[in-house]
Amino acid sequence: MFENLTLRPITGEEIKGFGHTYAGLDWGWYPDPTHFVRCAFDAAQRRLWVYDEWRANKTANIDIYRHLTAQKGLTRAEEVIADSAEMKSVNDMRSYGMRCVAATKGPGSVRTRIKWLQSLSEIVIDPARCPFGAREFSQYEYERNREGQPVEAYPDRDNHAIDAVGYATNRIWLQSGM
């Protein structure tokens, strides 16, 4: 689905050179995981880099917050855009001190964000830093009809990193007018 995907190491020097970065959070429990991602976007080159992730199952919100702040270095200065389907979790994160904002979603938003991701010149994912994201973006496919032909429908499975990237970049693709 993502013909613009490049899997390669993203160096520390590249990461230091990123201007504004974006963070996204897809809620889960079990079997669906909670997935956190950090990425950077170059609007002039229409290039997206996915360079950091964390995933967990059966993890309470306070423990998610503790891990992201202690292990991932998340600070109050960094905004996290999270799935709006779990407003209790968004509010929990805010009460702990995270700058957590609910993603804007609505009819057609999954299609819009997938189309936006497909329209980019390149999506670069570091497979060592982001193995889950690398796998999901590499293997995600359209739904298929009874004859096995692809149809323009997006399966809601094995897409937690993809969703987290979509939330992180929520304001960008909403402004794209796609």
N, C-alpha and C. Protein backbone atom coordinates (compact mmCIF):
# COMPACT_ATOMS: atom_id res chain seq x y z
N MET A 1 0.82 -1.19 0.00
CA MET A 1 0.00 0.00 0.00
C MET A 1 0.87 1.26 0.00
N PHE A 2 1.99 1.22 0.72
CA PHE A 2 2.85 2.40 0.81
C PHE A 2 4.07 2.20 -0.10
N GLU A 3 3.89 2.52 -1.36
CA GLU A 3 4.97 2.37 -2.34
C GLU A 3 6.08 3.38 -2.12
N ASN A 4 5.83 4.38 -1.31
CA ASN A 4 6.81 5.43 -1.02
C ASN A 4 7.62 5.15 0.25
N LEU A 5 7.57 3.93 0.74
CA LEU A 5 8.23 3.55 1.98
C LEU A 5 9.70 3.23 1.76
N THR A 6 10.55 3.79 2.60
CA THR A 6 11.98 3.47 2.63
C THR A 6 12.32 3.03 4.04
N LEU A 7 12.88 1.84 4.16
CA LEU A 7 13.35 1.34 5.45
C LEU A 7 14.86 1.49 5.47
N ARG A 8 15.36 2.31 6.41
CA ARG A 8 16.80 2.53 6.53
C ARG A 8 17.09 3.13 7.90
N PRO A 9 18.35 3.02 8.34
CA PRO A 9 18.70 3.67 9.60
C PRO A 9 18.53 5.19 9.50
N ILE A 10 18.01 5.78 10.55
CA ILE A 10 17.95 7.24 10.68
C ILE A 10 18.98 7.58 11.74
N THR A 11 19.97 8.36 11.36
CA THR A 11 21.10 8.63 12.25
C THR A 11 20.74 9.64 13.33
N GLY A 12 21.52 9.62 14.39
CA GLY A 12 21.36 10.61 15.45
C GLY A 12 21.55 12.02 14.92
N GLU A 13 22.45 12.19 13.97
CA GLU A 13 22.66 13.51 13.36
C GLU A 13 21.41 13.98 12.62
N GLU A 14 20.78 13.07 11.90
CA GLU A 14 19.52 13.42 11.22
C GLU A 14 18.47 13.86 12.23
N ILE A 15 18.34 13.09 13.30
CA ILE A 15 17.33 13.39 14.32
C ILE A 15 17.61 14.76 14.95
N LYS A 16 18.87 15.05 15.24
CA LYS A 16 19.22 16.37 15.80
C LYS A 16 18.85 17.49 14.85
N GLY A 17 18.87 17.21 13.55
CA GLY A 17 18.56 18.22 12.54
C GLY A 17 17.08 18.42 12.27
N PHE A 18 16.25 17.54 12.81
CA PHE A 18 14.81 17.71 12.60
C PHE A 18 14.36 18.99 13.30
N GLY A 19 13.56 19.76 12.61
CA GLY A 19 13.00 20.96 13.23
C GLY A 19 11.93 20.54 14.22
N HIS A 20 10.71 20.79 13.86
CA HIS A 20 9.58 20.41 14.71
C HIS A 20 9.34 18.91 14.57
N THR A 21 9.09 18.26 15.69
CA THR A 21 8.76 16.83 15.65
C THR A 21 7.34 16.64 16.17
N TYR A 22 6.79 15.48 15.89
CA TYR A 22 5.40 15.18 16.19
C TYR A 22 5.33 13.86 16.95
N ALA A 23 4.40 13.78 17.90
CA ALA A 23 4.22 12.55 18.69
C ALA A 23 2.76 12.13 18.62
N GLY A 24 2.54 10.83 18.48
CA GLY A 24 1.19 10.30 18.40
C GLY A 24 1.04 9.07 19.28
N LEU A 25 -0.20 8.84 19.73
CA LEU A 25 -0.47 7.74 20.65
C LEU A 25 -1.78 7.07 20.27
N ASP A 26 -1.69 5.76 20.00
CA ASP A 26 -2.87 4.94 19.71
C ASP A 26 -3.12 4.07 20.94
N TRP A 27 -4.31 4.19 21.51
CA TRP A 27 -4.64 3.45 22.73
C TRP A 27 -4.91 1.98 22.42
N GLY A 28 -4.59 1.14 23.35
CA GLY A 28 -4.90 -0.28 23.24
C GLY A 28 -4.88 -0.91 24.62
N TRP A 29 -5.11 -2.18 24.67
CA TRP A 29 -5.01 -2.96 25.91
C TRP A 29 -4.50 -4.34 25.54
N TYR A 30 -5.42 -5.22 25.14
CA TYR A 30 -5.05 -6.56 24.70
C TYR A 30 -6.22 -7.16 23.93
N PRO A 31 -6.02 -7.74 22.81
CA PRO A 31 -4.74 -8.01 22.15
C PRO A 31 -4.15 -6.79 21.42
N ASP A 32 -4.97 -5.76 21.20
CA ASP A 32 -4.44 -4.57 20.53
C ASP A 32 -3.53 -3.80 21.49
N PRO A 33 -2.34 -3.42 21.04
CA PRO A 33 -1.41 -2.72 21.91
C PRO A 33 -1.63 -1.21 21.92
N THR A 34 -1.12 -0.59 22.96
CA THR A 34 -0.93 0.86 22.97
C THR A 34 0.34 1.12 22.17
N HIS A 35 0.31 2.12 21.30
CA HIS A 35 1.49 2.40 20.47
C HIS A 35 1.78 3.89 20.47
N PHE A 36 3.02 4.26 20.80
CA PHE A 36 3.51 5.64 20.80
C PHE A 36 4.53 5.79 19.67
N VAL A 37 4.51 6.93 19.01
CA VAL A 37 5.45 7.17 17.92
C VAL A 37 5.91 8.62 17.92
N ARG A 38 7.13 8.82 17.45
CA ARG A 38 7.65 10.17 17.17
C ARG A 38 8.07 10.21 15.71
N CYS A 39 7.79 11.34 15.08
CA CYS A 39 8.16 11.49 13.68
C CYS A 39 8.49 12.95 13.38
N ALA A 40 9.03 13.18 12.21
CA ALA A 40 9.34 14.52 11.73
C ALA A 40 8.84 14.63 10.30
N PHE A 41 8.52 15.85 9.89
CA PHE A 41 7.96 16.06 8.55
C PHE A 41 8.62 17.26 7.91
N ASP A 42 9.07 17.09 6.68
CA ASP A 42 9.61 18.18 5.88
C ASP A 42 8.58 18.50 4.82
N ALA A 43 7.87 19.62 5.01
CA ALA A 43 6.77 19.98 4.10
C ALA A 43 7.29 20.29 2.70
N ALA A 44 8.46 20.92 2.59
CA ALA A 44 9.00 21.29 1.27
C ALA A 44 9.31 20.04 0.45
N GLN A 45 9.87 19.03 1.09
CA GLN A 45 10.21 17.79 0.38
C GLN A 45 9.11 16.74 0.46
N ARG A 46 8.08 17.02 1.25
CA ARG A 46 6.97 16.08 1.47
C ARG A 46 7.51 14.72 1.92
N ARG A 47 8.41 14.78 2.91
CA ARG A 47 9.05 13.58 3.44
C ARG A 47 8.74 13.45 4.92
N LEU A 48 8.42 12.23 5.33
CA LEU A 48 8.10 11.92 6.72
C LEU A 48 9.13 10.91 7.23
N TRP A 49 9.66 11.17 8.42
CA TRP A 49 10.57 10.25 9.08
C TRP A 49 9.91 9.73 10.34
N VAL A 50 9.91 8.43 10.53
CA VAL A 50 9.41 7.80 11.76
C VAL A 50 10.64 7.22 12.44
N TYR A 51 10.99 7.80 13.61
CA TYR A 51 12.29 7.47 14.21
C TYR A 51 12.23 6.98 15.65
N ASP A 52 11.05 6.91 16.25
CA ASP A 52 10.97 6.44 17.63
C ASP A 52 9.59 5.83 17.86
N GLU A 53 9.55 4.74 18.62
CA GLU A 53 8.27 4.13 18.95
C GLU A 53 8.39 3.37 20.26
N TRP A 54 7.23 3.08 20.82
CA TRP A 54 7.12 2.24 22.01
C TRP A 54 5.75 1.58 21.96
N ARG A 55 5.72 0.33 22.34
CA ARG A 55 4.47 -0.44 22.29
C ARG A 55 4.34 -1.29 23.54
N ALA A 56 3.10 -1.42 24.04
CA ALA A 56 2.87 -2.24 25.23
C ALA A 56 1.44 -2.75 25.23
N ASN A 57 1.25 -3.88 25.88
CA ASN A 57 -0.07 -4.45 26.12
C ASN A 57 -0.36 -4.40 27.61
N LYS A 58 -1.66 -4.35 27.92
CA LYS A 58 -2.12 -4.44 29.31
C LYS A 58 -1.37 -3.47 30.23
N THR A 59 -1.29 -2.22 29.79
CA THR A 59 -0.54 -1.21 30.54
C THR A 59 -1.47 -0.09 30.96
N ALA A 60 -1.55 0.17 32.25
CA ALA A 60 -2.41 1.23 32.78
C ALA A 60 -1.91 2.59 32.31
N ASN A 61 -2.81 3.54 32.23
CA ASN A 61 -2.46 4.88 31.74
C ASN A 61 -1.32 5.51 32.53
N ILE A 62 -1.33 5.38 33.85
CA ILE A 62 -0.25 5.98 34.65
C ILE A 62 1.09 5.35 34.29
N ASP A 63 1.10 4.05 33.98
CA ASP A 63 2.34 3.38 33.61
C ASP A 63 2.79 3.77 32.21
N ILE A 64 1.84 4.02 31.32
CA ILE A 64 2.19 4.55 29.99
C ILE A 64 2.88 5.90 30.17
N TYR A 65 2.26 6.77 30.95
CA TYR A 65 2.84 8.09 31.20
C TYR A 65 4.24 7.97 31.80
N ARG A 66 4.39 7.15 32.81
CA ARG A 66 5.69 6.98 33.47
C ARG A 66 6.75 6.49 32.49
N HIS A 67 6.39 5.53 31.66
CA HIS A 67 7.37 5.01 30.69
C HIS A 67 7.76 6.09 29.69
N LEU A 68 6.78 6.80 29.16
CA LEU A 68 7.09 7.81 28.14
C LEU A 68 7.94 8.94 28.71
N THR A 69 7.73 9.31 29.95
CA THR A 69 8.54 10.38 30.53
C THR A 69 9.91 9.86 30.98
N ALA A 70 9.96 8.71 31.62
CA ALA A 70 11.22 8.20 32.15
C ALA A 70 12.10 7.55 31.09
N GLN A 71 11.50 6.75 30.21
CA GLN A 71 12.29 5.99 29.24
C GLN A 71 12.40 6.66 27.87
N LYS A 72 11.40 7.41 27.49
CA LYS A 72 11.41 8.06 26.18
C LYS A 72 11.71 9.55 26.26
N GLY A 73 11.88 10.07 27.47
CA GLY A 73 12.26 11.47 27.62
C GLY A 73 11.19 12.48 27.26
N LEU A 74 9.95 12.04 27.26
CA LEU A 74 8.85 12.95 26.93
C LEU A 74 8.74 14.03 27.99
N THR A 75 8.66 15.28 27.54
CA THR A 75 8.52 16.41 28.47
C THR A 75 7.21 17.13 28.19
N ARG A 76 6.87 18.02 29.10
CA ARG A 76 5.64 18.81 28.95
C ARG A 76 5.69 19.70 27.71
N ALA A 77 6.88 20.00 27.24
CA ALA A 77 7.03 20.85 26.06
C ALA A 77 6.57 20.14 24.79
N GLU A 78 6.53 18.83 24.83
CA GLU A 78 6.18 18.04 23.64
C GLU A 78 4.70 17.67 23.67
N GLU A 79 4.00 18.07 22.63
CA GLU A 79 2.58 17.74 22.52
C GLU A 79 2.42 16.34 21.94
N VAL A 80 1.49 15.59 22.49
CA VAL A 80 1.16 14.26 21.99
C VAL A 80 -0.29 14.30 21.51
N ILE A 81 -0.50 13.92 20.25
CA ILE A 81 -1.87 13.83 19.73
C ILE A 81 -2.28 12.36 19.79
N ALA A 82 -3.39 12.11 20.47
CA ALA A 82 -3.82 10.74 20.75
C ALA A 82 -5.19 10.46 20.15
N ASP A 83 -5.48 9.19 20.03
CA ASP A 83 -6.77 8.73 19.53
C ASP A 83 -7.89 9.32 20.38
N SER A 84 -8.82 9.99 19.74
CA SER A 84 -9.93 10.64 20.45
C SER A 84 -11.01 9.66 20.87
N ALA A 85 -10.91 8.40 20.47
CA ALA A 85 -11.90 7.40 20.86
C ALA A 85 -11.80 7.07 22.35
N GLU A 86 -10.69 7.44 22.98
CA GLU A 86 -10.47 7.15 24.40
C GLU A 86 -10.27 8.46 25.17
N MET A 87 -11.32 9.26 25.29
CA MET A 87 -11.19 10.55 25.96
C MET A 87 -10.80 10.41 27.44
N LYS A 88 -11.21 9.32 28.08
CA LYS A 88 -10.78 9.11 29.47
C LYS A 88 -9.26 9.02 29.53
N SER A 89 -8.67 8.30 28.59
CA SER A 89 -7.21 8.16 28.57
C SER A 89 -6.53 9.49 28.26
N VAL A 90 -7.08 10.25 27.31
CA VAL A 90 -6.54 11.58 27.00
C VAL A 90 -6.57 12.44 28.27
N ASN A 91 -7.70 12.43 28.96
CA ASN A 91 -7.84 13.23 30.18
C ASN A 91 -6.92 12.73 31.30
N ASP A 92 -6.74 11.41 31.40
CA ASP A 92 -5.80 10.88 32.38
C ASP A 92 -4.40 11.43 32.11
N MET A 93 -3.96 11.38 30.85
CA MET A 93 -2.62 11.87 30.52
C MET A 93 -2.47 13.35 30.87
N ARG A 94 -3.49 14.13 30.59
CA ARG A 94 -3.46 15.55 30.95
C ARG A 94 -3.32 15.72 32.47
N SER A 95 -4.07 14.92 33.22
CA SER A 95 -4.02 15.05 34.69
C SER A 95 -2.64 14.67 35.24
N TYR A 96 -1.90 13.82 34.52
CA TYR A 96 -0.55 13.44 34.95
C TYR A 96 0.49 14.50 34.56
N GLY A 97 0.11 15.40 33.65
CA GLY A 97 1.03 16.45 33.24
C GLY A 97 1.45 16.41 31.79
N MET A 98 0.94 15.47 31.01
CA MET A 98 1.28 15.38 29.59
C MET A 98 0.45 16.39 28.80
N ARG A 99 1.06 17.01 27.81
CA ARG A 99 0.32 17.86 26.87
C ARG A 99 -0.33 16.94 25.83
N CYS A 100 -1.42 16.35 26.20
CA CYS A 100 -2.11 15.37 25.35
C CYS A 100 -3.35 16.01 24.76
N VAL A 101 -3.48 15.89 23.45
CA VAL A 101 -4.59 16.47 22.70
C VAL A 101 -5.28 15.35 21.94
N ALA A 102 -6.59 15.39 21.88
CA ALA A 102 -7.34 14.39 21.12
C ALA A 102 -7.26 14.69 19.63
N ALA A 103 -7.01 13.67 18.84
CA ALA A 103 -6.98 13.82 17.38
C ALA A 103 -8.37 14.18 16.87
N THR A 104 -8.39 14.95 15.81
CA THR A 104 -9.65 15.27 15.14
C THR A 104 -9.95 14.14 14.16
N LYS A 105 -11.10 13.50 14.34
CA LYS A 105 -11.50 12.41 13.45
C LYS A 105 -12.94 12.64 13.03
N GLY A 106 -13.32 11.96 12.00
CA GLY A 106 -14.69 12.05 11.54
C GLY A 106 -14.89 11.11 10.36
N PRO A 107 -16.04 11.20 9.71
CA PRO A 107 -16.29 10.33 8.56
C PRO A 107 -15.19 10.52 7.50
N GLY A 108 -14.61 9.43 7.08
CA GLY A 108 -13.60 9.48 6.03
C GLY A 108 -12.21 9.83 6.49
N SER A 109 -12.00 9.99 7.79
CA SER A 109 -10.67 10.42 8.24
C SER A 109 -9.61 9.33 8.06
N VAL A 110 -9.98 8.06 8.17
CA VAL A 110 -9.00 6.99 7.94
C VAL A 110 -8.54 7.05 6.49
N ARG A 111 -9.48 7.14 5.57
CA ARG A 111 -9.14 7.23 4.14
C ARG A 111 -8.27 8.46 3.88
N THR A 112 -8.64 9.60 4.46
CA THR A 112 -7.90 10.84 4.23
C THR A 112 -6.46 10.70 4.70
N ARG A 113 -6.24 10.15 5.88
CA ARG A 113 -4.86 10.06 6.37
C ARG A 113 -4.05 9.03 5.60
N ILE A 114 -4.67 7.93 5.18
CA ILE A 114 -3.95 6.94 4.36
C ILE A 114 -3.58 7.56 3.02
N LYS A 115 -4.51 8.24 2.39
CA LYS A 115 -4.24 8.90 1.10
C LYS A 115 -3.13 9.93 1.25
N TRP A 116 -3.15 10.70 2.35
CA TRP A 116 -2.10 11.68 2.57
C TRP A 116 -0.74 10.99 2.72
N LEU A 117 -0.68 9.93 3.51
CA LEU A 117 0.57 9.19 3.66
C LEU A 117 1.06 8.66 2.31
N GLN A 118 0.14 8.15 1.51
CA GLN A 118 0.51 7.63 0.18
C GLN A 118 0.99 8.74 -0.75
N SER A 119 0.52 9.97 -0.53
CA SER A 119 0.87 11.08 -1.42
C SER A 119 2.25 11.66 -1.14
N LEU A 120 2.86 11.31 -0.03
CA LEU A 120 4.16 11.86 0.32
C LEU A 120 5.23 11.36 -0.64
N SER A 121 6.28 12.14 -0.81
CA SER A 121 7.38 11.69 -1.67
C SER A 121 8.08 10.49 -1.06
N GLU A 122 8.14 10.46 0.29
CA GLU A 122 8.82 9.35 0.95
C GLU A 122 8.41 9.27 2.41
N ILE A 123 8.25 8.05 2.88
CA ILE A 123 8.09 7.76 4.31
C ILE A 123 9.32 6.95 4.69
N VAL A 124 10.16 7.53 5.54
CA VAL A 124 11.39 6.86 5.97
C VAL A 124 11.17 6.33 7.38
N ILE A 125 11.37 5.04 7.56
CA ILE A 125 11.23 4.42 8.88
C ILE A 125 12.52 3.68 9.20
N ASP A 126 13.03 3.90 10.39
CA ASP A 126 14.21 3.20 10.86
C ASP A 126 13.75 1.85 11.43
N PRO A 127 14.08 0.74 10.76
CA PRO A 127 13.58 -0.56 11.23
C PRO A 127 14.18 -1.02 12.55
N ALA A 128 15.35 -0.51 12.93
CA ALA A 128 15.94 -0.88 14.22
C ALA A 128 15.27 -0.11 15.35
N ARG A 129 15.02 1.17 15.14
CA ARG A 129 14.39 2.00 16.16
C ARG A 129 12.87 1.76 16.22
N CYS A 130 12.29 1.40 15.08
CA CYS A 130 10.83 1.27 14.96
C CYS A 130 10.45 -0.03 14.25
N PRO A 131 10.74 -1.18 14.85
CA PRO A 131 10.45 -2.44 14.16
C PRO A 131 8.96 -2.68 13.92
N PHE A 132 8.11 -2.24 14.83
CA PHE A 132 6.67 -2.45 14.65
C PHE A 132 6.15 -1.58 13.50
N GLY A 133 6.57 -0.33 13.48
CA GLY A 133 6.18 0.57 12.40
C GLY A 133 6.69 0.08 11.05
N ALA A 134 7.94 -0.39 11.01
CA ALA A 134 8.51 -0.90 9.76
C ALA A 134 7.69 -2.08 9.24
N ARG A 135 7.33 -2.99 10.14
CA ARG A 135 6.55 -4.16 9.73
C ARG A 135 5.16 -3.75 9.25
N GLU A 136 4.48 -2.91 10.03
CA GLU A 136 3.11 -2.53 9.66
C GLU A 136 3.07 -1.79 8.33
N PHE A 137 3.91 -0.78 8.16
CA PHE A 137 3.90 -0.02 6.91
C PHE A 137 4.29 -0.89 5.72
N SER A 138 5.16 -1.89 5.95
CA SER A 138 5.58 -2.79 4.87
C SER A 138 4.49 -3.78 4.47
N GLN A 139 3.70 -4.22 5.45
CA GLN A 139 2.76 -5.31 5.20
C GLN A 139 1.30 -4.90 5.08
N TYR A 140 0.97 -3.66 5.39
CA TYR A 140 -0.42 -3.22 5.37
C TYR A 140 -0.94 -3.25 3.93
N GLU A 141 -2.12 -3.81 3.74
CA GLU A 141 -2.70 -3.95 2.40
C GLU A 141 -4.17 -3.56 2.41
N TYR A 142 -4.67 -3.23 1.23
CA TYR A 142 -6.10 -2.96 1.08
C TYR A 142 -6.90 -4.22 1.39
N GLU A 143 -8.15 -4.03 1.79
CA GLU A 143 -9.07 -5.16 1.90
C GLU A 143 -9.23 -5.77 0.50
N ARG A 144 -9.68 -7.00 0.46
CA ARG A 144 -9.88 -7.68 -0.83
C ARG A 144 -11.32 -8.18 -0.92
N ASN A 145 -11.84 -8.20 -2.15
CA ASN A 145 -13.19 -8.72 -2.36
C ASN A 145 -13.15 -10.24 -2.46
N ARG A 146 -14.30 -10.86 -2.73
CA ARG A 146 -14.38 -12.33 -2.80
C ARG A 146 -13.49 -12.92 -3.88
N GLU A 147 -13.24 -12.14 -4.92
CA GLU A 147 -12.39 -12.63 -6.01
C GLU A 147 -10.91 -12.41 -5.72
N GLY A 148 -10.62 -11.82 -4.57
CA GLY A 148 -9.23 -11.58 -4.20
C GLY A 148 -8.66 -10.27 -4.73
N GLN A 149 -9.51 -9.45 -5.33
CA GLN A 149 -9.05 -8.17 -5.88
C GLN A 149 -9.06 -7.10 -4.79
N PRO A 150 -8.05 -6.22 -4.78
CA PRO A 150 -8.04 -5.15 -3.78
C PRO A 150 -9.19 -4.17 -4.00
N VAL A 151 -9.76 -3.72 -2.89
CA VAL A 151 -10.81 -2.69 -2.92
C VAL A 151 -10.36 -1.56 -2.00
N GLU A 152 -10.88 -0.37 -2.26
CA GLU A 152 -10.46 0.79 -1.46
C GLU A 152 -11.16 0.77 -0.10
N ALA A 153 -10.66 -0.12 0.75
CA ALA A 153 -11.12 -0.23 2.13
C ALA A 153 -9.89 -0.56 2.96
N TYR A 154 -9.87 -0.08 4.18
CA TYR A 154 -8.67 -0.17 5.01
C TYR A 154 -8.94 -1.02 6.24
N PRO A 155 -8.25 -2.17 6.35
CA PRO A 155 -8.51 -3.06 7.47
C PRO A 155 -8.10 -2.42 8.80
N ASP A 156 -8.90 -2.65 9.82
CA ASP A 156 -8.60 -2.14 11.15
C ASP A 156 -7.91 -3.24 11.96
N ARG A 157 -6.75 -3.63 11.48
CA ARG A 157 -5.93 -4.63 12.17
C ARG A 157 -4.48 -4.42 11.75
N ASP A 158 -3.59 -4.75 12.66
CA ASP A 158 -2.15 -4.59 12.41
C ASP A 158 -1.82 -3.20 11.87
N ASN A 159 -2.41 -2.17 12.49
CA ASN A 159 -2.22 -0.80 12.00
C ASN A 159 -2.01 0.19 13.15
N HIS A 160 -1.50 -0.26 14.26
CA HIS A 160 -1.39 0.60 15.44
C HIS A 160 -0.32 1.67 15.25
N ALA A 161 0.81 1.31 14.66
CA ALA A 161 1.85 2.30 14.35
C ALA A 161 1.34 3.27 13.29
N ILE A 162 0.65 2.74 12.29
CA ILE A 162 0.09 3.58 11.22
C ILE A 162 -0.89 4.58 11.82
N ASP A 163 -1.76 4.11 12.71
CA ASP A 163 -2.71 5.02 13.37
C ASP A 163 -1.98 6.07 14.20
N ALA A 164 -0.95 5.65 14.96
CA ALA A 164 -0.21 6.61 15.80
C ALA A 164 0.47 7.67 14.94
N VAL A 165 1.02 7.28 13.80
CA VAL A 165 1.61 8.26 12.87
C VAL A 165 0.53 9.20 12.36
N GLY A 166 -0.63 8.64 12.04
CA GLY A 166 -1.75 9.47 11.58
C GLY A 166 -2.20 10.47 12.62
N TYR A 167 -2.20 10.07 13.89
CA TYR A 167 -2.57 11.01 14.95
C TYR A 167 -1.48 12.06 15.13
N ALA A 168 -0.22 11.64 15.11
CA ALA A 168 0.89 12.59 15.28
C ALA A 168 0.83 13.70 14.22
N THR A 169 0.49 13.32 13.00
CA THR A 169 0.47 14.26 11.87
C THR A 169 -0.94 14.78 11.58
N ASN A 170 -1.85 14.61 12.51
CA ASN A 170 -3.27 14.93 12.33
C ASN A 170 -3.50 16.32 11.76
N ARG A 171 -2.86 17.32 12.31
CA ARG A 171 -3.09 18.69 11.85
C ARG A 171 -2.55 18.91 10.44
N ILE A 172 -1.47 18.23 10.10
CA ILE A 172 -0.86 18.40 8.77
C ILE A 172 -1.80 17.87 7.70
N TRP A 173 -2.24 16.62 7.84
CA TRP A 173 -3.07 16.06 6.77
C TRP A 173 -4.47 16.66 6.75
N LEU A 174 -4.96 17.15 7.90
CA LEU A 174 -6.26 17.84 7.89
C LEU A 174 -6.16 19.14 7.08
N GLN A 175 -5.02 19.83 7.19
CA GLN A 175 -4.82 21.08 6.45
C GLN A 175 -4.54 20.85 4.97
N SER A 176 -4.17 19.62 4.62
CA SER A 176 -3.81 19.34 3.23
C SER A 176 -5.00 19.43 2.29
N GLY A 177 -6.21 19.33 2.86
CA GLY A 177 -7.42 19.44 2.05
C GLY A 177 -7.69 18.25 1.17
N MET A 178 -7.07 17.11 1.47
CA MET A 178 -7.29 15.91 0.65
C MET A 178 -8.69 15.39 0.84
